[in-house]
């Protein structure tokens, strides 16, 4: 058998990957849906720890995030993707490309829907893309706790059943971790037999530096005005562990306008300190150690439209 990377990209090309049939189920599952449908919250809940940042603001996830769920029945390799949306700039074009490519990758597609929202033009766009996918698709109706009872769920389920022949439909609350065991049962039932692609200690392919940078961006999403967070990126300048176990972290928040820089820093540096405090607490949980975090802010005008800046900040097209 070839390497895990070779096998995964062979599957992307539609080629058969020959593996010895074993006693466990395993495979690759792509999570797709509209921005703010709850994809990252679901991924974190399924894995049992934080691997993707979340917020109530749309377009929180920018890159594809891999996470591994491993248990006695087998192994599921999840890929969380940016929400599918109408592109407004080069960063959005990149995000949309990543999300749409995920529809053709892996063994299964988890299509997650905010069940409290009415199906509109944006959902129809995703359904149109799904109809061309050769993968088995599981419809996940999220936020069941806010839907208003079983009748409302059945009505929503009936509405989507008219659109597509789903392999399964399940109702969940990712936020409250409800319905996840049923979802796991469905996934293991539909996945093929195969190898464990990763050792049981592997949780995600994201380097610690990238996770730490995302934790800073998450705090900015929570604390800043709604338009500003979409125009920021976070660069990790340095990340070093001392002999005594304390981590020294320096990072720069990049924004597009001088006026945004002032808002991010805040009066007397209050907002930047607030962002830093929240991020530091999350980093200490991630690293299980004390963290000394220093944040800086700089302006790079219209970086979301600049291919060179996009590559520098890690938004590289995946082949």
Protein backbone atom coordinates (compact mmCIF):
# COMPACT_ATOMS: atom_id res chain seq x y z
CA UNK A 1 0.00 0.00 0.00
CA UNK A 2 1.26 3.52 -0.78
CA UNK A 3 1.53 6.33 1.71
CA UNK A 4 -1.53 7.90 3.32
CA UNK A 5 -1.02 11.03 1.21
CA UNK A 6 -0.75 8.98 -2.01
CA UNK A 7 -3.91 7.07 -1.12
CA UNK A 8 -5.90 10.19 -0.31
CA UNK A 9 -5.02 12.03 -3.49
CA UNK A 10 -5.57 8.89 -5.54
CA UNK A 11 -9.12 8.90 -4.16
CA UNK A 12 -9.42 12.57 -5.12
CA UNK A 13 -8.57 11.62 -8.73
CA UNK A 14 -11.27 8.96 -8.66
CA UNK A 15 -8.80 6.07 -8.67
CA UNK A 16 -9.33 2.90 -6.71
CA UNK A 17 -7.10 2.52 -3.65
CA UNK A 18 -6.28 -1.12 -3.03
CA UNK A 19 -6.19 -2.01 0.64
CA UNK A 20 -6.48 -5.31 2.39
CA UNK A 21 -9.92 -5.84 3.84
CA UNK A 22 -9.63 -5.80 7.59
CA UNK A 23 -11.82 -5.99 10.66
CA UNK A 24 -12.33 -2.23 10.93
CA UNK A 25 -14.20 0.43 8.98
CA UNK A 26 -12.26 3.45 7.77
CA UNK A 27 -12.40 6.27 5.26
CA UNK A 28 -12.49 9.96 4.46
CA UNK A 29 -15.56 12.14 5.17
CA UNK A 30 -15.97 15.72 3.90
CA UNK A 31 -18.13 18.16 5.91
CA UNK A 32 -19.80 20.78 3.69
CA UNK A 33 -22.56 23.37 4.06
CA UNK A 34 -23.34 27.05 4.20
CA UNK A 35 -21.35 29.43 6.42
CA UNK A 36 -22.52 29.28 10.03
CA UNK A 37 -24.34 25.96 9.61
CA UNK A 38 -22.25 24.52 12.45
CA UNK A 39 -19.61 22.52 10.57
CA UNK A 40 -16.69 23.35 12.87
CA UNK A 41 -18.82 22.93 16.00
CA UNK A 42 -19.84 19.49 14.73
CA UNK A 43 -16.23 18.52 13.97
CA UNK A 44 -15.08 19.53 17.45
CA UNK A 45 -17.98 17.63 19.03
CA UNK A 46 -17.29 14.47 17.01
CA UNK A 47 -13.57 14.49 17.81
CA UNK A 48 -14.15 15.38 21.45
CA UNK A 49 -11.73 18.31 21.51
CA UNK A 50 -11.16 21.64 19.78
CA UNK A 51 -9.51 21.33 16.37
CA UNK A 52 -11.44 24.07 14.52
CA UNK A 53 -12.32 27.58 15.63
CA UNK A 54 -15.96 28.61 15.83
CA UNK A 55 -17.98 31.81 16.02
CA UNK A 56 -21.44 33.08 15.14
CA UNK A 57 -19.96 35.09 12.28
CA UNK A 58 -20.06 33.40 8.84
CA UNK A 59 -16.92 32.36 6.93
CA UNK A 60 -15.01 31.53 10.11
CA UNK A 61 -13.24 28.53 8.54
CA UNK A 62 -10.89 29.51 5.70
CA UNK A 63 -8.84 26.36 5.07
CA UNK A 64 -9.66 22.68 4.96
CA UNK A 65 -9.10 21.15 8.41
CA UNK A 66 -8.38 17.46 8.88
CA UNK A 67 -9.31 15.65 12.10
CA UNK A 68 -9.25 11.96 13.02
CA UNK A 69 -11.83 10.05 15.04
CA UNK A 70 -10.57 6.65 16.17
CA UNK A 71 -12.34 3.93 18.15
CA UNK A 72 -12.69 0.13 18.24
CA UNK A 73 -15.01 0.07 15.19
CA UNK A 74 -12.44 1.87 13.05
CA UNK A 75 -11.23 5.30 11.99
CA UNK A 76 -12.92 8.26 10.34
CA UNK A 77 -10.81 11.01 8.77
CA UNK A 78 -12.93 14.18 8.66
CA UNK A 79 -12.28 17.22 6.48
CA UNK A 80 -14.02 20.43 7.57
CA UNK A 81 -14.29 23.00 4.78
CA UNK A 82 -15.09 26.70 4.42
CA UNK A 83 -18.80 27.44 4.03
CA UNK A 84 -19.91 27.55 0.39
CA UNK A 85 -20.84 31.15 -0.44
CA UNK A 86 -20.73 33.72 -3.22
CA UNK A 87 -17.15 34.88 -3.65
CA UNK A 88 -16.51 38.59 -3.01
CA UNK A 89 -12.69 38.72 -3.20
CA UNK A 90 -9.69 36.51 -3.95
CA UNK A 91 -9.73 35.04 -0.44
CA UNK A 92 -13.40 34.12 -0.92
CA UNK A 93 -12.60 32.58 -4.31
CA UNK A 94 -9.96 30.43 -2.64
CA UNK A 95 -12.35 29.39 0.16
CA UNK A 96 -15.12 28.52 -2.28
CA UNK A 97 -12.72 26.44 -4.38
CA UNK A 98 -11.61 24.45 -1.32
CA UNK A 99 -15.23 23.80 -0.29
CA UNK A 100 -16.44 22.77 -3.74
CA UNK A 101 -13.50 20.41 -4.31
CA UNK A 102 -14.42 18.62 -1.09
CA UNK A 103 -17.68 17.46 -2.70
CA UNK A 104 -15.72 15.14 -4.96
CA UNK A 105 -13.23 13.88 -2.38
CA UNK A 106 -13.26 10.97 0.03
CA UNK A 107 -15.80 8.24 0.68
CA UNK A 108 -18.73 10.17 2.15
CA UNK A 109 -20.05 13.72 2.27
CA UNK A 110 -21.69 15.16 5.38
CA UNK A 111 -24.00 17.94 4.23
CA UNK A 112 -24.83 19.99 7.31
CA UNK A 113 -27.84 22.34 7.33
CA UNK A 114 -29.02 24.85 9.90
CA UNK A 115 -32.48 23.37 10.39
CA UNK A 116 -33.81 26.63 11.85
CA UNK A 117 -33.27 28.47 8.55
CA UNK A 118 -35.54 28.34 5.52
CA UNK A 119 -34.06 26.72 2.42
CA UNK A 120 -33.18 29.47 -0.02
CA UNK A 121 -31.05 30.26 -3.05
CA UNK A 122 -27.75 29.49 -1.30
CA UNK A 123 -28.92 26.03 -0.20
CA UNK A 124 -30.19 25.38 -3.73
CA UNK A 125 -26.67 26.17 -4.97
CA UNK A 126 -25.17 23.52 -2.70
CA UNK A 127 -27.86 20.98 -3.58
CA UNK A 128 -27.12 21.57 -7.25
CA UNK A 129 -23.44 20.80 -6.61
CA UNK A 130 -24.30 17.74 -4.52
CA UNK A 131 -26.42 16.30 -7.32
CA UNK A 132 -23.24 16.00 -9.39
CA UNK A 133 -21.26 14.31 -6.61
CA UNK A 134 -20.57 10.58 -6.95
CA UNK A 135 -20.17 10.19 -3.19
CA UNK A 136 -22.79 8.94 -0.75
CA UNK A 137 -24.27 11.97 0.99
CA UNK A 138 -25.58 12.13 4.55
CA UNK A 139 -27.88 15.04 5.38
CA UNK A 140 -27.28 16.40 8.88
CA UNK A 141 -30.05 18.70 10.14
CA UNK A 142 -28.30 20.72 12.84
CA UNK A 143 -29.63 22.87 15.72
CA UNK A 144 -32.41 20.40 16.42
CA UNK A 145 -32.70 21.81 19.95
CA UNK A 146 -33.88 25.12 18.46
CA UNK A 147 -36.24 23.64 15.85
CA UNK A 148 -39.38 23.23 17.94
CA UNK A 149 -40.17 19.53 18.19
CA UNK A 150 -40.37 16.34 16.17
CA UNK A 151 -43.05 17.56 13.77
CA UNK A 152 -40.84 20.46 12.67
CA UNK A 153 -37.93 18.06 12.14
CA UNK A 154 -40.04 15.64 10.08
CA UNK A 155 -41.32 18.51 7.92
CA UNK A 156 -37.76 19.75 7.32
CA UNK A 157 -36.60 16.20 6.54
CA UNK A 158 -39.45 15.73 4.07
CA UNK A 159 -38.55 18.99 2.35
CA UNK A 160 -34.96 17.90 1.72
CA UNK A 161 -35.89 14.33 0.74
CA UNK A 162 -37.59 15.80 -2.33
CA UNK A 163 -34.29 17.32 -3.44
CA UNK A 164 -31.85 14.42 -3.31
CA UNK A 165 -31.58 10.71 -2.62
CA UNK A 166 -29.58 10.92 0.60
CA UNK A 167 -27.86 7.82 1.97
CA UNK A 168 -29.17 8.83 5.40
CA UNK A 169 -30.74 11.79 7.20
CA UNK A 170 -30.07 12.52 10.87
CA UNK A 171 -31.05 15.32 13.25
CA UNK A 172 -28.47 16.63 15.72
CA UNK A 173 -27.47 19.51 17.95
CA UNK A 174 -23.72 19.93 17.49
CA UNK A 175 -23.63 22.59 20.21
CA UNK A 176 -25.28 20.28 22.75
CA UNK A 177 -23.64 17.08 21.39
CA UNK A 178 -27.04 15.49 20.79
CA UNK A 179 -27.56 12.86 18.09
CA UNK A 180 -23.84 12.33 17.55
CA UNK A 181 -23.83 8.64 18.46
CA UNK A 182 -26.52 7.95 15.84
CA UNK A 183 -24.47 9.91 13.31
CA UNK A 184 -21.33 7.88 14.11
CA UNK A 185 -23.32 4.65 13.74
CA UNK A 186 -24.45 5.76 10.27
CA UNK A 187 -20.92 6.71 9.24
CA UNK A 188 -19.41 3.40 10.31
CA UNK A 189 -22.26 1.55 8.60
CA UNK A 190 -21.62 3.31 5.28
CA UNK A 191 -17.80 3.37 5.29
CA UNK A 192 -15.83 0.55 3.65
CA UNK A 193 -13.49 -1.85 5.45
CA UNK A 194 -9.92 -0.70 5.39
CA UNK A 195 -6.80 0.27 7.34
CA UNK A 196 -6.34 2.82 10.06
CA UNK A 197 -4.73 5.60 8.05
CA UNK A 198 -3.30 7.34 11.13
CA UNK A 199 -2.02 6.16 14.50
CA UNK A 200 -4.42 6.50 17.41
CA UNK A 201 -2.53 9.52 18.80
CA UNK A 202 -3.15 11.64 15.68
CA UNK A 203 -5.98 14.14 16.08
CA UNK A 204 -5.30 16.68 13.31
CA UNK A 205 -2.80 17.54 10.58
CA UNK A 206 -2.61 21.17 11.69
CA UNK A 207 0.73 22.26 13.17
CA UNK A 208 0.48 23.73 16.66
CA UNK A 209 1.56 27.13 15.26
CA UNK A 210 -1.42 27.19 12.90
CA UNK A 211 -3.85 26.20 15.63
CA UNK A 212 -2.45 28.91 17.89
CA UNK A 213 -2.83 31.51 15.11
CA UNK A 214 -6.43 30.43 14.57
CA UNK A 215 -7.16 30.77 18.29
CA UNK A 216 -6.09 34.42 18.06
CA UNK A 217 -8.31 34.95 15.00
CA UNK A 218 -11.20 33.29 16.83
CA UNK A 219 -10.94 35.82 19.66
CA UNK A 220 -10.92 38.63 17.10
CA UNK A 221 -14.09 37.18 15.57
CA UNK A 222 -15.77 37.20 18.97
CA UNK A 223 -14.71 40.64 20.09
CA UNK A 224 -14.48 42.91 17.03
CA UNK A 225 -17.16 44.64 14.95
CA UNK A 226 -18.72 42.31 12.39
CA UNK A 227 -16.94 43.66 9.28
CA UNK A 228 -13.41 43.89 10.62
CA UNK A 229 -12.65 40.19 11.39
CA UNK A 230 -13.12 39.16 7.75
CA UNK A 231 -10.30 41.53 6.84
CA UNK A 232 -7.72 40.17 9.29
CA UNK A 233 -5.12 37.43 9.19
CA UNK A 234 -2.79 36.24 11.94
CA UNK A 235 0.92 35.59 11.44
CA UNK A 236 2.91 33.61 14.00
CA UNK A 237 6.22 35.45 14.38
CA UNK A 238 7.72 33.03 16.88
CA UNK A 239 6.66 30.23 19.20
CA UNK A 240 9.24 28.80 21.59
CA UNK A 241 9.12 26.67 24.74
CA UNK A 242 11.42 27.58 27.61
CA UNK A 243 13.26 24.99 29.67
CA UNK A 244 10.79 25.63 32.50
CA UNK A 245 7.86 24.69 30.20
CA UNK A 246 6.49 28.21 29.63
CA UNK A 247 5.75 29.09 25.99
CA UNK A 248 6.72 32.47 24.52
CA UNK A 249 4.47 33.35 21.60
CA UNK A 250 4.69 36.43 19.38
CA UNK A 251 2.06 37.01 16.69
CA UNK A 252 0.93 39.79 14.37
CA UNK A 253 -2.65 40.60 13.46
CA UNK A 254 -2.77 41.89 9.88
CA UNK A 255 -5.62 44.20 8.84
CA UNK A 256 -6.52 46.14 5.70
CA UNK A 257 -6.99 49.71 6.93
CA UNK A 258 -5.37 52.14 9.37
CA UNK A 259 -8.80 52.79 10.88
CA UNK A 260 -9.17 49.04 11.54
CA UNK A 261 -5.77 48.98 13.22
CA UNK A 262 -6.96 51.60 15.69
CA UNK A 263 -10.10 49.60 16.48
CA UNK A 264 -8.14 46.36 16.94
CA UNK A 265 -5.71 48.05 19.35
CA UNK A 266 -8.49 49.97 21.13
CA UNK A 267 -8.25 52.84 23.57
CA UNK A 268 -5.05 52.46 25.55
CA UNK A 269 -4.54 49.02 23.96
CA UNK A 270 -7.64 47.62 25.71
CA UNK A 271 -9.09 45.69 22.76
CA UNK A 272 -5.77 44.09 21.80
CA UNK A 273 -5.25 43.08 25.42
CA UNK A 274 -8.77 41.62 25.52
CA UNK A 275 -8.12 39.56 22.35
CA UNK A 276 -4.76 38.44 23.74
CA UNK A 277 -6.18 37.36 27.10
CA UNK A 278 -8.84 35.19 25.47
CA UNK A 279 -6.34 33.66 23.05
CA UNK A 280 -3.80 32.99 25.80
CA UNK A 281 -6.35 31.06 27.87
CA UNK A 282 -7.19 28.90 24.84
CA UNK A 283 -3.50 28.34 24.05
CA UNK A 284 -2.77 27.28 27.62
CA UNK A 285 -5.54 24.70 27.33
CA UNK A 286 -4.10 23.51 24.00
CA UNK A 287 -0.48 23.32 25.19
CA UNK A 288 -1.27 22.37 28.81
CA UNK A 289 1.29 24.95 29.89
CA UNK A 290 1.62 28.63 30.76
CA UNK A 291 1.83 30.99 27.77
CA UNK A 292 3.41 34.43 27.47
CA UNK A 293 1.62 35.97 24.47
CA UNK A 294 2.62 39.21 22.74
CA UNK A 295 0.42 40.61 19.98
CA UNK A 296 1.22 43.24 17.36
CA UNK A 297 -0.90 44.85 14.62
CA UNK A 298 0.09 45.97 11.13
CA UNK A 299 -1.71 47.15 7.99
CA UNK A 300 -1.46 45.53 4.57
CA UNK A 301 -3.96 47.24 2.33
CA UNK A 302 -6.37 44.93 0.45
CA UNK A 303 -4.37 41.80 1.30
CA UNK A 304 -7.40 39.61 0.52
CA UNK A 305 -7.06 40.59 -3.15
CA UNK A 306 -3.29 40.00 -3.32
CA UNK A 307 -2.22 36.45 -4.38
CA UNK A 308 1.26 36.90 -2.87
CA UNK A 309 -0.17 37.85 0.53
CA UNK A 310 -2.69 35.01 0.35
CA UNK A 311 0.12 32.50 -0.20
CA UNK A 312 2.20 34.07 2.57
CA UNK A 313 -0.70 33.77 5.01
CA UNK A 314 -1.23 30.10 4.20
CA UNK A 315 -4.13 30.24 1.74
CA UNK A 316 -2.56 28.05 -0.92
CA UNK A 317 -4.58 26.15 -3.50
CA UNK A 318 -4.45 22.42 -2.75
CA UNK A 319 -3.72 20.29 -5.80
